[in-house]
Amino acid sequence: MAGVGDGVAAGDPWAAILAPEISVVVDPVPVAGPGARWVRALAAEAPFAERVSGAPGEVAALLPGVPAALRRLADRLARRFAAVTGAGALELRVEGVADDACRKLHADWTDVRLLLTLAGLGTEHAGGDDPGAPLRRVPTGHVALLKGRLFPGAGPGRHPPCLHRSPPLAGTGARRLLLVMNRAEAAW
């Protein structure tokens, strides 16, 4: 990841994802609340998915038909994510989920992925690559940076990917609203 961390602000907690022993970073500061009117309205439209690609300072503006508040949030997160990962281009997805999408424990085929659950239950993760580890839930409205299988230098004992899954929803009537991003140079 050329340029990784070049634009990271001093003391940015997201930069911890670059450390060899860190597989997940959860930002403890909520960035959006599930009570926001636009969040509830979008979650109610699930299932849907919007995916766009572009430069960090432009990609959020490409999201079709989403509220301005979500575009502003996505823009702020995209710029910060790009500063940490060194991404010149990002893939960004806004998804309304009403089923058991990604319910199996897995690690993504990317280097680093940003997940933000805006409504519904947050993503569950093992904190590393041990499938037997107890699962923890990322609080709704918190950013999670998850190291993937393609992180440079990944392998046994170094840069372990973060196993994670979506919480089971089938038959509950529950919905989730997610913002997902990763470097466009990395695989989905």
Protein backbone atom coordinates (compact mmCIF):
# COMPACT_ATOMS: atom_id res chain seq x y z
CA MET A 1 0.00 0.00 0.00
CA ALA A 2 2.13 2.80 -1.31
CA GLY A 3 1.77 5.96 0.67
CA VAL A 4 0.12 4.21 3.59
CA GLY A 5 -0.22 6.57 6.48
CA ASP A 6 1.37 9.51 4.62
CA GLY A 7 -1.61 11.81 5.28
CA VAL A 8 -2.62 10.46 8.70
CA ALA A 9 -3.10 13.13 11.35
CA ALA A 10 -0.89 12.73 14.39
CA GLY A 11 -2.63 10.63 17.00
CA ASP A 12 -5.37 9.36 14.63
CA PRO A 13 -6.58 6.10 16.23
CA TRP A 14 -7.35 4.65 12.79
CA ALA A 15 -3.60 4.42 12.09
CA ALA A 16 -3.40 1.52 14.57
CA ILE A 17 -4.71 -0.77 11.79
CA LEU A 18 -1.24 -0.52 10.21
CA ALA A 19 0.41 -2.28 13.18
CA PRO A 20 1.29 -5.96 12.58
CA GLU A 21 -0.61 -7.25 15.62
CA ILE A 22 -3.81 -5.22 15.08
CA SER A 23 -6.64 -6.80 13.05
CA VAL A 24 -9.51 -4.46 13.88
CA VAL A 25 -9.88 -0.86 15.00
CA VAL A 26 -13.21 0.39 16.32
CA ASP A 27 -13.59 4.14 16.55
CA PRO A 28 -15.34 4.75 19.87
CA VAL A 29 -16.78 8.08 18.76
CA PRO A 30 -20.22 7.71 17.14
CA VAL A 31 -20.34 9.35 13.72
CA ALA A 32 -24.07 9.05 13.09
CA GLY A 33 -26.99 7.95 15.17
CA PRO A 34 -29.61 5.33 14.30
CA GLY A 35 -32.27 7.85 15.37
CA ALA A 36 -31.56 10.26 12.51
CA ARG A 37 -34.58 10.55 10.22
CA TRP A 38 -32.58 9.88 7.06
CA VAL A 39 -31.02 6.76 8.61
CA ARG A 40 -34.43 5.32 9.52
CA ALA A 41 -35.85 6.17 6.09
CA LEU A 42 -33.02 4.48 4.20
CA ALA A 43 -33.04 1.40 6.43
CA ALA A 44 -36.78 1.01 5.78
CA GLU A 45 -36.03 0.73 2.03
CA ALA A 46 -33.91 -2.43 2.47
CA PRO A 47 -32.95 -4.47 0.60
CA PHE A 48 -30.88 -2.31 -1.77
CA ALA A 49 -27.25 -1.64 -2.65
CA GLU A 50 -25.54 1.31 -4.28
CA ARG A 51 -21.88 0.98 -5.27
CA VAL A 52 -19.61 3.69 -6.68
CA SER A 53 -15.88 4.17 -7.27
CA GLY A 54 -13.81 7.31 -7.42
CA ALA A 55 -11.23 9.57 -5.86
CA PRO A 56 -11.50 10.02 -2.08
CA GLY A 57 -12.65 13.64 -2.37
CA GLU A 58 -15.21 12.85 -5.08
CA VAL A 59 -16.59 9.35 -4.50
CA ALA A 60 -19.32 10.31 -2.01
CA ALA A 61 -20.82 12.82 -4.42
CA LEU A 62 -21.35 9.95 -6.90
CA LEU A 63 -23.81 8.14 -4.61
CA PRO A 64 -27.18 8.28 -6.37
CA GLY A 65 -30.33 9.20 -4.49
CA VAL A 66 -28.94 9.26 -0.96
CA PRO A 67 -29.50 12.06 1.55
CA ALA A 68 -27.00 14.92 1.63
CA ALA A 69 -26.18 14.04 5.26
CA LEU A 70 -25.01 10.58 4.16
CA ARG A 71 -22.92 12.03 1.32
CA ARG A 72 -21.25 14.44 3.76
CA LEU A 73 -20.55 11.62 6.23
CA ALA A 74 -19.20 9.35 3.47
CA ASP A 75 -16.99 12.16 2.16
CA ARG A 76 -15.47 12.79 5.59
CA LEU A 77 -14.85 9.07 6.16
CA ALA A 78 -13.47 8.54 2.64
CA ARG A 79 -10.89 11.28 3.07
CA ARG A 80 -9.77 9.91 6.43
CA PHE A 81 -9.75 6.30 5.19
CA ALA A 82 -7.65 7.33 2.17
CA ALA A 83 -5.18 9.12 4.45
CA VAL A 84 -4.68 5.93 6.46
CA THR A 85 -4.58 3.45 3.57
CA GLY A 86 -2.87 5.60 0.95
CA ALA A 87 -5.74 4.94 -1.48
CA GLY A 88 -5.89 6.99 -4.64
CA ALA A 89 -9.36 5.64 -5.40
CA LEU A 90 -12.08 4.09 -3.27
CA GLU A 91 -15.01 1.78 -3.75
CA LEU A 92 -17.92 2.83 -1.61
CA ARG A 93 -21.13 0.91 -0.98
CA VAL A 94 -24.33 1.88 0.82
CA GLU A 95 -26.45 -1.15 1.50
CA GLY A 96 -29.79 -1.84 3.12
CA VAL A 97 -29.83 -5.42 4.40
CA ALA A 98 -32.92 -7.40 5.36
CA ASP A 99 -31.53 -10.96 5.29
CA ASP A 100 -28.59 -13.06 6.46
CA ALA A 101 -26.00 -11.48 4.16
CA CYS A 102 -22.42 -12.51 5.06
CA ARG A 103 -23.62 -14.52 8.06
CA LYS A 104 -20.66 -16.91 8.03
CA LEU A 105 -17.46 -15.95 9.80
CA HIS A 106 -14.97 -14.81 7.14
CA ALA A 107 -12.10 -12.47 6.31
CA ASP A 108 -12.45 -10.18 3.29
CA TRP A 109 -10.31 -10.46 0.17
CA THR A 110 -9.09 -6.89 0.49
CA ASP A 111 -6.38 -5.12 2.47
CA VAL A 112 -8.48 -2.96 4.81
CA ARG A 113 -12.24 -2.50 4.84
CA LEU A 114 -14.24 0.19 6.60
CA LEU A 115 -17.64 -0.90 7.91
CA LEU A 116 -20.12 1.43 9.51
CA THR A 117 -23.52 0.14 10.60
CA LEU A 118 -25.83 3.13 10.65
CA ALA A 119 -28.99 1.22 11.61
CA GLY A 120 -29.60 -2.25 13.00
CA LEU A 121 -27.19 -4.62 14.68
CA GLY A 122 -23.48 -3.97 14.21
CA THR A 123 -20.98 -6.32 12.61
CA GLU A 124 -19.68 -9.16 14.80
CA HIS A 125 -15.94 -9.89 14.83
CA ALA A 126 -13.45 -12.28 16.41
CA GLY A 127 -10.78 -9.60 16.89
CA GLY A 128 -8.33 -11.56 14.75
CA ASP A 129 -8.10 -14.78 12.78
CA ASP A 130 -9.10 -17.28 15.49
CA PRO A 131 -12.51 -18.74 14.54
CA GLY A 132 -12.92 -20.00 18.11
CA ALA A 133 -12.55 -16.58 19.71
CA PRO A 134 -15.63 -15.05 21.33
CA LEU A 135 -17.43 -12.67 18.98
CA ARG A 136 -17.73 -8.98 19.80
CA ARG A 137 -20.24 -6.61 18.23
CA VAL A 138 -19.24 -3.24 16.80
CA PRO A 139 -21.70 -0.71 18.23
CA THR A 140 -24.12 0.79 15.74
CA GLY A 141 -22.83 4.18 14.64
CA HIS A 142 -19.15 3.29 15.19
CA VAL A 143 -16.56 2.84 12.46
CA ALA A 144 -14.73 -0.48 12.23
CA LEU A 145 -11.55 -0.89 10.19
CA LEU A 146 -10.99 -4.58 9.47
CA LYS A 147 -7.75 -5.98 8.15
CA GLY A 148 -8.29 -8.34 5.20
CA ARG A 149 -6.42 -11.24 3.67
CA LEU A 150 -4.65 -9.02 1.13
CA PHE A 151 -2.99 -6.69 3.64
CA PRO A 152 0.72 -6.42 2.68
CA GLY A 153 2.79 -8.80 4.77
CA ALA A 154 -0.25 -10.82 5.88
CA GLY A 155 0.51 -14.30 7.08
CA PRO A 156 0.92 -16.45 10.17
CA GLY A 157 1.89 -14.34 13.16
CA ARG A 158 1.93 -11.09 11.20
CA HIS A 159 -0.98 -8.92 10.10
CA PRO A 160 -3.70 -11.48 10.80
CA PRO A 161 -6.99 -10.74 9.03
CA CYS A 162 -10.10 -10.01 11.08
CA LEU A 163 -12.75 -12.71 10.96
CA HIS A 164 -16.21 -11.17 11.05
CA ARG A 165 -19.84 -11.66 10.03
CA SER A 166 -23.15 -9.92 9.72
CA PRO A 167 -25.52 -10.67 12.58
CA PRO A 168 -28.29 -13.14 11.63
CA LEU A 169 -31.51 -11.34 10.60
CA ALA A 170 -33.61 -13.99 8.84
CA GLY A 171 -37.14 -14.15 10.18
CA THR A 172 -36.69 -11.21 12.57
CA GLY A 173 -37.95 -8.39 10.34
CA ALA A 174 -34.86 -6.42 11.36
CA ARG A 175 -32.94 -4.31 8.85
CA ARG A 176 -29.43 -2.93 8.70
CA LEU A 177 -28.04 0.12 6.93
CA LEU A 178 -24.34 -0.15 6.11
CA LEU A 179 -21.64 2.07 4.68
CA VAL A 180 -18.72 0.03 3.34
CA MET A 181 -15.51 1.22 1.72
CA ASN A 182 -12.16 -0.08 0.63
CA ARG A 183 -9.40 0.85 -1.76
CA ALA A 184 -10.46 0.48 -5.40
CA GLU A 185 -7.10 -1.16 -6.00
CA ALA A 186 -8.10 -4.03 -3.68
CA ALA A 187 -10.56 -6.83 -4.47
CA TRP A 188 -14.08 -7.00 -3.03
